[in-house]
Amino acid sequence: MAENPPQKSSRKFIERKCRVVFDVNIHISEITPENVADQFTPDETGEGLPWEWAERQNRLLLALLQDEAALAQFLTSITTSDFGSLLESEHIRGMPDEAEGALFAKVFAMMGSDDRLFFQEALNEGALFDNIVLIHRAFVTDWKRVEIKDVRMIKPNEA
């Protein structure tokens, strides 16, 4: 005897939100030949990327670490982007490319003229991300040691 198909429920469902606050550590490594050896090896022929390219990114990284406001924005973006990737969510993203470009423009404006010119040209040509890839890799979010600080339900009017 065949079972009856399930009937649509007339029960109403509600939705509530919980707010989760957690602390996550982000490890930041200087860009050195040892730190990036598995990601970047200069081309000895002179046709590839020279170490100057990596050293320039390290100087930008050091300038970023000196600017607390820019660093806070960047860390927030890195954490948000990594969290979205961890959850495989397309709704959770870091800052848009234009905002990141503006953030780095403020940072490299304080650098020496050669570095400032290099990064400004990269930004103008739409190639800034290609020239700060080692900076992005220098930030590693430690999700395995996340500490949950608070979990609570949010009232509908608070959301």
N, C-alpha and C. Protein backbone atom coordinates (compact mmCIF):
# COMPACT_ATOMS: atom_id res chain seq x y z
N MET A 1 0.85 -1.17 0.00
CA MET A 1 0.00 0.00 0.00
C MET A 1 0.91 1.24 0.00
N ALA A 2 0.65 2.15 -0.91
CA ALA A 2 1.47 3.37 -1.04
C ALA A 2 1.14 4.35 0.08
N GLU A 3 2.22 5.00 0.52
CA GLU A 3 2.01 6.01 1.56
C GLU A 3 1.42 7.27 0.94
N ASN A 4 0.67 7.98 1.74
CA ASN A 4 0.12 9.26 1.27
C ASN A 4 1.24 10.29 1.19
N PRO A 5 1.21 11.12 0.16
CA PRO A 5 2.25 12.16 0.08
C PRO A 5 2.12 13.12 1.27
N PRO A 6 3.23 13.66 1.70
CA PRO A 6 3.15 14.57 2.84
C PRO A 6 2.31 15.80 2.51
N GLN A 7 1.52 16.20 3.45
CA GLN A 7 0.68 17.38 3.30
C GLN A 7 1.47 18.62 3.66
N LYS A 8 1.16 19.70 3.02
CA LYS A 8 1.81 20.96 3.39
C LYS A 8 1.35 21.34 4.78
N SER A 9 2.29 21.73 5.56
CA SER A 9 1.99 22.10 6.93
C SER A 9 1.38 23.50 6.97
N SER A 10 0.42 23.66 7.81
CA SER A 10 -0.18 24.99 7.98
C SER A 10 0.47 25.72 9.14
N ARG A 11 1.44 25.06 9.79
CA ARG A 11 2.12 25.71 10.90
C ARG A 11 2.99 26.84 10.37
N LYS A 12 3.03 27.91 11.12
CA LYS A 12 3.87 29.04 10.75
C LYS A 12 5.22 28.88 11.43
N PHE A 13 6.25 29.23 10.71
CA PHE A 13 7.60 29.17 11.26
C PHE A 13 8.10 30.59 11.46
N ILE A 14 8.93 30.73 12.43
CA ILE A 14 9.53 32.03 12.68
C ILE A 14 11.03 31.94 12.46
N GLU A 15 11.62 33.07 12.32
CA GLU A 15 13.08 33.12 12.16
C GLU A 15 13.63 34.09 13.18
N ARG A 16 14.70 33.71 13.79
CA ARG A 16 15.39 34.57 14.75
C ARG A 16 16.87 34.58 14.41
N LYS A 17 17.56 35.59 14.89
CA LYS A 17 19.00 35.70 14.66
C LYS A 17 19.73 35.61 15.99
N CYS A 18 20.91 35.01 15.90
CA CYS A 18 21.81 35.01 17.04
C CYS A 18 23.06 35.78 16.62
N ARG A 19 23.56 36.56 17.53
CA ARG A 19 24.80 37.29 17.29
C ARG A 19 25.92 36.51 17.95
N VAL A 20 26.97 36.25 17.18
CA VAL A 20 28.13 35.54 17.69
C VAL A 20 29.32 36.50 17.60
N VAL A 21 29.97 36.71 18.72
CA VAL A 21 31.15 37.56 18.77
C VAL A 21 32.33 36.66 19.12
N PHE A 22 33.36 36.73 18.30
CA PHE A 22 34.52 35.90 18.58
C PHE A 22 35.80 36.68 18.32
N ASP A 23 36.87 36.22 18.94
CA ASP A 23 38.21 36.77 18.74
C ASP A 23 39.01 35.78 17.90
N VAL A 24 39.70 36.30 16.92
CA VAL A 24 40.54 35.46 16.07
C VAL A 24 41.89 36.15 15.92
N ASN A 25 42.95 35.38 16.03
CA ASN A 25 44.30 35.90 15.87
C ASN A 25 44.69 35.87 14.40
N ILE A 26 45.41 36.91 14.00
CA ILE A 26 45.94 36.98 12.64
C ILE A 26 47.44 37.11 12.77
N HIS A 27 48.16 36.18 12.18
CA HIS A 27 49.62 36.19 12.22
C HIS A 27 50.12 36.94 10.98
N ILE A 28 51.02 37.87 11.20
CA ILE A 28 51.55 38.68 10.11
C ILE A 28 53.05 38.42 10.01
N SER A 29 53.47 37.97 8.85
CA SER A 29 54.88 37.65 8.63
C SER A 29 55.51 38.68 7.72
N GLU A 30 56.74 39.03 8.05
CA GLU A 30 57.51 39.90 7.18
C GLU A 30 57.75 39.15 5.87
N ILE A 31 57.86 39.89 4.79
CA ILE A 31 58.13 39.27 3.49
C ILE A 31 59.64 39.17 3.34
N THR A 32 60.15 37.96 3.53
CA THR A 32 61.58 37.69 3.40
C THR A 32 61.75 36.52 2.43
N PRO A 33 62.95 36.32 1.91
CA PRO A 33 63.15 35.16 1.03
C PRO A 33 62.73 33.84 1.69
N GLU A 34 63.00 33.71 2.98
CA GLU A 34 62.65 32.47 3.69
C GLU A 34 61.14 32.30 3.82
N ASN A 35 60.44 33.40 4.10
CA ASN A 35 58.99 33.33 4.31
C ASN A 35 58.20 33.08 3.04
N VAL A 36 58.74 33.47 1.90
CA VAL A 36 57.99 33.34 0.66
C VAL A 36 58.62 32.36 -0.33
N ALA A 37 59.60 31.60 0.12
CA ALA A 37 60.31 30.69 -0.78
C ALA A 37 59.38 29.71 -1.48
N ASP A 38 58.33 29.25 -0.79
CA ASP A 38 57.40 28.30 -1.42
C ASP A 38 56.40 28.98 -2.34
N GLN A 39 56.31 30.31 -2.29
CA GLN A 39 55.34 31.04 -3.10
C GLN A 39 55.98 31.86 -4.20
N PHE A 40 57.25 32.20 -4.01
CA PHE A 40 57.89 33.11 -4.95
C PHE A 40 59.37 32.81 -5.02
N THR A 41 59.84 32.55 -6.21
CA THR A 41 61.27 32.37 -6.43
C THR A 41 61.66 33.28 -7.59
N PRO A 42 62.58 34.18 -7.36
CA PRO A 42 62.95 35.08 -8.46
C PRO A 42 63.59 34.31 -9.61
N ASP A 43 63.41 34.84 -10.77
CA ASP A 43 63.95 34.25 -11.98
C ASP A 43 65.39 34.75 -12.18
N GLU A 44 66.32 33.83 -12.17
CA GLU A 44 67.74 34.17 -12.29
C GLU A 44 68.08 34.76 -13.66
N THR A 45 67.23 34.52 -14.66
CA THR A 45 67.53 35.00 -16.02
C THR A 45 67.27 36.49 -16.17
N GLY A 46 66.58 37.06 -15.21
CA GLY A 46 66.25 38.48 -15.31
C GLY A 46 64.93 38.73 -16.02
N GLU A 47 64.32 37.69 -16.53
CA GLU A 47 63.04 37.85 -17.22
C GLU A 47 61.86 37.74 -16.27
N GLY A 48 62.07 37.13 -15.14
CA GLY A 48 60.99 36.96 -14.18
C GLY A 48 60.97 38.10 -13.18
N LEU A 49 60.31 37.86 -12.08
CA LEU A 49 60.20 38.89 -11.05
C LEU A 49 61.46 38.91 -10.18
N PRO A 50 62.05 40.06 -10.00
CA PRO A 50 63.24 40.17 -9.15
C PRO A 50 62.84 40.27 -7.68
N TRP A 51 63.80 40.04 -6.80
CA TRP A 51 63.52 40.17 -5.36
C TRP A 51 63.11 41.59 -5.01
N GLU A 52 63.52 42.55 -5.81
CA GLU A 52 63.10 43.94 -5.56
C GLU A 52 61.57 44.03 -5.51
N TRP A 53 60.90 43.25 -6.33
CA TRP A 53 59.43 43.22 -6.35
C TRP A 53 58.91 42.77 -4.98
N ALA A 54 59.51 41.73 -4.41
CA ALA A 54 59.10 41.25 -3.09
C ALA A 54 59.52 42.23 -2.00
N GLU A 55 60.71 42.78 -2.12
CA GLU A 55 61.19 43.74 -1.12
C GLU A 55 60.32 44.99 -1.10
N ARG A 56 59.86 45.41 -2.26
CA ARG A 56 58.99 46.59 -2.34
C ARG A 56 57.67 46.31 -1.61
N GLN A 57 57.16 45.10 -1.77
CA GLN A 57 55.94 44.73 -1.06
C GLN A 57 56.18 44.70 0.44
N ASN A 58 57.35 44.27 0.85
CA ASN A 58 57.66 44.26 2.27
C ASN A 58 57.70 45.69 2.83
N ARG A 59 58.24 46.60 2.05
CA ARG A 59 58.25 48.00 2.51
C ARG A 59 56.83 48.54 2.63
N LEU A 60 55.95 48.15 1.71
CA LEU A 60 54.55 48.56 1.81
C LEU A 60 53.89 47.91 3.02
N LEU A 61 54.20 46.65 3.27
CA LEU A 61 53.67 45.96 4.45
C LEU A 61 54.11 46.68 5.73
N LEU A 62 55.38 47.05 5.81
CA LEU A 62 55.88 47.75 7.00
C LEU A 62 55.20 49.11 7.16
N ALA A 63 54.94 49.79 6.04
CA ALA A 63 54.22 51.07 6.10
C ALA A 63 52.78 50.86 6.58
N LEU A 64 52.14 49.79 6.11
CA LEU A 64 50.79 49.46 6.55
C LEU A 64 50.75 49.20 8.06
N LEU A 65 51.75 48.49 8.56
CA LEU A 65 51.79 48.17 9.99
C LEU A 65 52.00 49.42 10.85
N GLN A 66 52.50 50.49 10.26
CA GLN A 66 52.71 51.75 10.99
C GLN A 66 51.44 52.62 11.02
N ASP A 67 50.49 52.33 10.15
CA ASP A 67 49.26 53.13 10.06
C ASP A 67 48.12 52.35 10.73
N GLU A 68 47.86 52.66 12.00
CA GLU A 68 46.88 51.88 12.78
C GLU A 68 45.49 51.88 12.14
N ALA A 69 45.05 53.01 11.61
CA ALA A 69 43.71 53.07 11.01
C ALA A 69 43.63 52.19 9.76
N ALA A 70 44.62 52.29 8.90
CA ALA A 70 44.64 51.48 7.68
C ALA A 70 44.78 50.00 8.03
N LEU A 71 45.62 49.70 9.02
CA LEU A 71 45.81 48.32 9.44
C LEU A 71 44.50 47.74 9.98
N ALA A 72 43.78 48.52 10.77
CA ALA A 72 42.50 48.05 11.31
C ALA A 72 41.51 47.74 10.19
N GLN A 73 41.44 48.61 9.19
CA GLN A 73 40.56 48.37 8.06
C GLN A 73 40.97 47.11 7.30
N PHE A 74 42.26 46.96 7.07
CA PHE A 74 42.75 45.82 6.31
C PHE A 74 42.52 44.52 7.07
N LEU A 75 42.80 44.51 8.38
CA LEU A 75 42.57 43.31 9.18
C LEU A 75 41.09 42.92 9.21
N THR A 76 40.24 43.91 9.30
CA THR A 76 38.80 43.64 9.27
C THR A 76 38.40 43.01 7.95
N SER A 77 38.95 43.54 6.87
CA SER A 77 38.64 43.00 5.55
C SER A 77 39.18 41.58 5.38
N ILE A 78 40.42 41.37 5.80
CA ILE A 78 41.04 40.03 5.71
C ILE A 78 40.21 39.02 6.50
N THR A 79 39.85 39.39 7.72
CA THR A 79 39.09 38.48 8.57
C THR A 79 37.72 38.17 7.97
N THR A 80 37.05 39.20 7.48
CA THR A 80 35.73 39.01 6.88
C THR A 80 35.82 38.12 5.64
N SER A 81 36.78 38.40 4.79
CA SER A 81 36.96 37.62 3.57
C SER A 81 37.29 36.16 3.89
N ASP A 82 38.22 35.95 4.83
CA ASP A 82 38.59 34.59 5.22
C ASP A 82 37.41 33.85 5.84
N PHE A 83 36.62 34.55 6.65
CA PHE A 83 35.46 33.92 7.28
C PHE A 83 34.44 33.52 6.21
N GLY A 84 34.22 34.39 5.23
CA GLY A 84 33.32 34.06 4.12
C GLY A 84 33.80 32.84 3.35
N SER A 85 35.11 32.76 3.12
CA SER A 85 35.67 31.59 2.43
C SER A 85 35.52 30.33 3.27
N LEU A 86 35.76 30.47 4.55
CA LEU A 86 35.64 29.33 5.46
C LEU A 86 34.22 28.76 5.44
N LEU A 87 33.24 29.65 5.39
CA LEU A 87 31.83 29.23 5.36
C LEU A 87 31.32 28.95 3.95
N GLU A 88 32.18 29.20 2.96
CA GLU A 88 31.79 29.08 1.55
C GLU A 88 30.57 29.93 1.26
N SER A 89 30.58 31.15 1.79
CA SER A 89 29.47 32.08 1.63
C SER A 89 29.84 33.18 0.65
N GLU A 90 28.93 33.44 -0.27
CA GLU A 90 29.14 34.55 -1.20
C GLU A 90 28.60 35.85 -0.62
N HIS A 91 27.96 35.78 0.55
CA HIS A 91 27.39 36.96 1.18
C HIS A 91 28.37 37.66 2.11
N ILE A 92 29.42 36.96 2.48
CA ILE A 92 30.40 37.52 3.42
C ILE A 92 31.68 37.77 2.64
N ARG A 93 31.99 39.05 2.45
CA ARG A 93 33.15 39.41 1.64
C ARG A 93 33.94 40.51 2.34
N GLY A 94 35.20 40.60 1.99
CA GLY A 94 36.03 41.69 2.47
C GLY A 94 35.71 42.96 1.69
N MET A 95 36.57 43.94 1.82
CA MET A 95 36.31 45.22 1.14
C MET A 95 36.45 45.06 -0.37
N PRO A 96 35.68 45.83 -1.12
CA PRO A 96 35.80 45.79 -2.59
C PRO A 96 37.19 46.25 -3.03
N ASP A 97 37.58 45.85 -4.23
CA ASP A 97 38.90 46.19 -4.76
C ASP A 97 39.15 47.70 -4.76
N GLU A 98 38.12 48.48 -5.09
CA GLU A 98 38.29 49.93 -5.15
C GLU A 98 38.62 50.49 -3.76
N ALA A 99 37.93 49.97 -2.74
CA ALA A 99 38.18 50.43 -1.37
C ALA A 99 39.58 50.01 -0.90
N GLU A 100 39.99 48.79 -1.27
CA GLU A 100 41.33 48.35 -0.90
C GLU A 100 42.38 49.19 -1.61
N GLY A 101 42.13 49.52 -2.86
CA GLY A 101 43.05 50.38 -3.60
C GLY A 101 43.18 51.75 -2.94
N ALA A 102 42.06 52.31 -2.50
CA ALA A 102 42.08 53.61 -1.82
C ALA A 102 42.83 53.51 -0.49
N LEU A 103 42.63 52.40 0.22
CA LEU A 103 43.33 52.20 1.49
C LEU A 103 44.84 52.16 1.27
N PHE A 104 45.27 51.36 0.30
CA PHE A 104 46.70 51.25 0.04
C PHE A 104 47.27 52.54 -0.55
N ALA A 105 46.46 53.29 -1.29
CA ALA A 105 46.93 54.57 -1.84
C ALA A 105 47.32 55.52 -0.71
N LYS A 106 46.55 55.52 0.36
CA LYS A 106 46.89 56.36 1.51
C LYS A 106 48.20 55.90 2.14
N VAL A 107 48.41 54.59 2.18
CA VAL A 107 49.62 54.04 2.80
C VAL A 107 50.84 54.33 1.92
N PHE A 108 50.76 54.02 0.63
CA PHE A 108 51.96 54.21 -0.19
C PHE A 108 52.24 55.68 -0.48
N ALA A 109 51.27 56.56 -0.22
CA ALA A 109 51.53 57.99 -0.36
C ALA A 109 52.58 58.47 0.63
N MET A 110 52.76 57.73 1.73
CA MET A 110 53.72 58.09 2.77
C MET A 110 55.10 57.47 2.53
N MET A 111 55.23 56.67 1.46
CA MET A 111 56.48 55.96 1.21
C MET A 111 57.43 56.80 0.36
N GLY A 112 58.63 56.30 0.17
CA GLY A 112 59.62 56.96 -0.68
C GLY A 112 59.10 57.10 -2.10
N SER A 113 59.68 58.03 -2.84
CA SER A 113 59.16 58.37 -4.16
C SER A 113 59.16 57.19 -5.14
N ASP A 114 60.21 56.35 -5.14
CA ASP A 114 60.24 55.21 -6.07
C ASP A 114 59.10 54.24 -5.78
N ASP A 115 58.93 53.91 -4.51
CA ASP A 115 57.85 52.98 -4.13
C ASP A 115 56.49 53.60 -4.40
N ARG A 116 56.34 54.85 -4.04
CA ARG A 116 55.06 55.54 -4.24
C ARG A 116 54.70 55.54 -5.73
N LEU A 117 55.65 55.86 -6.59
CA LEU A 117 55.42 55.88 -8.03
C LEU A 117 55.07 54.50 -8.56
N PHE A 118 55.81 53.48 -8.10
CA PHE A 118 55.55 52.11 -8.55
C PHE A 118 54.11 51.69 -8.22
N PHE A 119 53.71 51.87 -6.96
CA PHE A 119 52.37 51.44 -6.55
C PHE A 119 51.27 52.31 -7.15
N GLN A 120 51.54 53.59 -7.34
CA GLN A 120 50.54 54.47 -7.97
C GLN A 120 50.31 54.05 -9.41
N GLU A 121 51.39 53.73 -10.12
CA GLU A 121 51.23 53.25 -11.50
C GLU A 121 50.48 51.93 -11.54
N ALA A 122 50.79 51.03 -10.61
CA ALA A 122 50.08 49.75 -10.55
C ALA A 122 48.59 49.98 -10.29
N LEU A 123 48.28 50.90 -9.39
CA LEU A 123 46.88 51.23 -9.09
C LEU A 123 46.20 51.81 -10.32
N ASN A 124 46.86 52.75 -10.99
CA ASN A 124 46.28 53.39 -12.18
C ASN A 124 46.04 52.39 -13.31
N GLU A 125 46.91 51.38 -13.41
CA GLU A 125 46.81 50.38 -14.48
C GLU A 125 45.90 49.21 -14.11
N GLY A 126 45.34 49.25 -12.89
CA GLY A 126 44.46 48.15 -12.45
C GLY A 126 45.23 46.90 -12.07
N ALA A 127 46.52 47.06 -11.75
CA ALA A 127 47.36 45.91 -11.43
C ALA A 127 47.87 45.95 -9.99
N LEU A 128 47.20 46.72 -9.13
CA LEU A 128 47.68 46.81 -7.75
C LEU A 128 47.64 45.45 -7.07
N PHE A 129 46.54 44.73 -7.20
CA PHE A 129 46.43 43.44 -6.52
C PHE A 129 47.55 42.50 -6.95
N ASP A 130 47.92 42.50 -8.20
CA ASP A 130 49.01 41.65 -8.69
C ASP A 130 50.34 42.01 -8.06
N ASN A 131 50.44 43.24 -7.56
CA ASN A 131 51.68 43.72 -6.98
C ASN A 131 51.66 43.80 -5.46
N ILE A 132 50.60 43.26 -4.85
CA ILE A 132 50.54 43.18 -3.38
C ILE A 132 50.13 41.77 -2.94
N VAL A 133 50.28 40.82 -3.83
CA VAL A 133 49.88 39.45 -3.53
C VAL A 133 50.65 38.88 -2.34
N LEU A 134 51.92 39.24 -2.21
CA LEU A 134 52.71 38.74 -1.08
C LEU A 134 52.26 39.37 0.23
N ILE A 135 51.75 40.59 0.16
CA ILE A 135 51.20 41.22 1.37
C ILE A 135 49.99 40.43 1.84
N HIS A 136 49.10 40.10 0.93
CA HIS A 136 47.92 39.31 1.30
C HIS A 136 48.33 37.98 1.93
N ARG A 137 49.34 37.35 1.38
CA ARG A 137 49.79 36.06 1.90
C ARG A 137 50.51 36.19 3.24
N ALA A 138 50.95 37.40 3.57
CA ALA A 138 51.64 37.62 4.84
C ALA A 138 50.68 37.59 6.03
N PHE A 139 49.39 37.69 5.78
CA PHE A 139 48.37 37.68 6.82
C PHE A 139 47.70 36.32 6.85
N VAL A 140 47.85 35.60 7.97
CA VAL A 140 47.27 34.27 8.11
C VAL A 140 46.33 34.27 9.31
N THR A 141 45.08 33.98 9.05
CA THR A 141 44.06 33.96 10.09
C THR A 141 44.05 32.59 10.76
N ASP A 142 44.12 32.57 12.08
CA ASP A 142 44.18 31.33 12.86
C ASP A 142 42.78 30.94 13.33
N TRP A 143 42.04 30.29 12.44
CA TRP A 143 40.65 29.92 12.76
C TRP A 143 40.57 28.78 13.76
N LYS A 144 41.61 27.99 13.91
CA LYS A 144 41.56 26.85 14.82
C LYS A 144 41.58 27.27 16.28
N ARG A 145 42.02 28.50 16.56
CA ARG A 145 42.10 28.97 17.95
C ARG A 145 41.10 30.10 18.23
N VAL A 146 40.04 30.17 17.45
CA VAL A 146 39.02 31.19 17.66
C VAL A 146 38.40 31.03 19.05
N GLU A 147 38.20 32.15 19.72
CA GLU A 147 37.54 32.15 21.03
C GLU A 147 36.20 32.85 20.90
N ILE A 148 35.14 32.14 21.26
CA ILE A 148 33.81 32.73 21.24
C ILE A 148 33.66 33.57 22.50
N LYS A 149 33.34 34.84 22.32
CA LYS A 149 33.22 35.77 23.44
C LYS A 149 31.78 35.99 23.87
N ASP A 150 30.84 35.87 22.94
CA ASP A 150 29.45 36.13 23.27
C ASP A 150 28.55 35.49 22.21
N VAL A 151 27.46 34.91 22.64
CA VAL A 151 26.42 34.40 21.75
C VAL A 151 25.10 34.80 22.39
N ARG A 152 24.28 35.49 21.62
CA ARG A 152 22.97 35.87 22.16
C ARG A 152 21.98 36.04 21.04
N MET A 153 20.70 35.84 21.40
CA MET A 153 19.66 36.06 20.41
C MET A 153 19.44 37.56 20.27
N ILE A 154 19.18 37.97 19.06
CA ILE A 154 18.92 39.38 18.78
C ILE A 154 17.43 39.56 18.61
N LYS A 155 16.90 40.55 19.25
CA LYS A 155 15.48 40.86 19.09
C LYS A 155 15.25 41.35 17.66
N PRO A 156 14.09 41.06 17.09
CA PRO A 156 13.85 41.46 15.69
C PRO A 156 14.10 42.93 15.41
N ASN A 157 13.84 43.81 16.35
CA ASN A 157 14.04 45.24 16.10
C ASN A 157 15.50 45.65 16.22
N GLU A 158 16.40 44.75 16.67
CA GLU A 158 17.84 45.03 16.78
C GLU A 158 18.60 44.64 15.51
N ALA A 159 18.04 43.78 14.72
CA ALA A 159 18.75 43.22 13.56
C ALA A 159 19.06 44.22 12.49
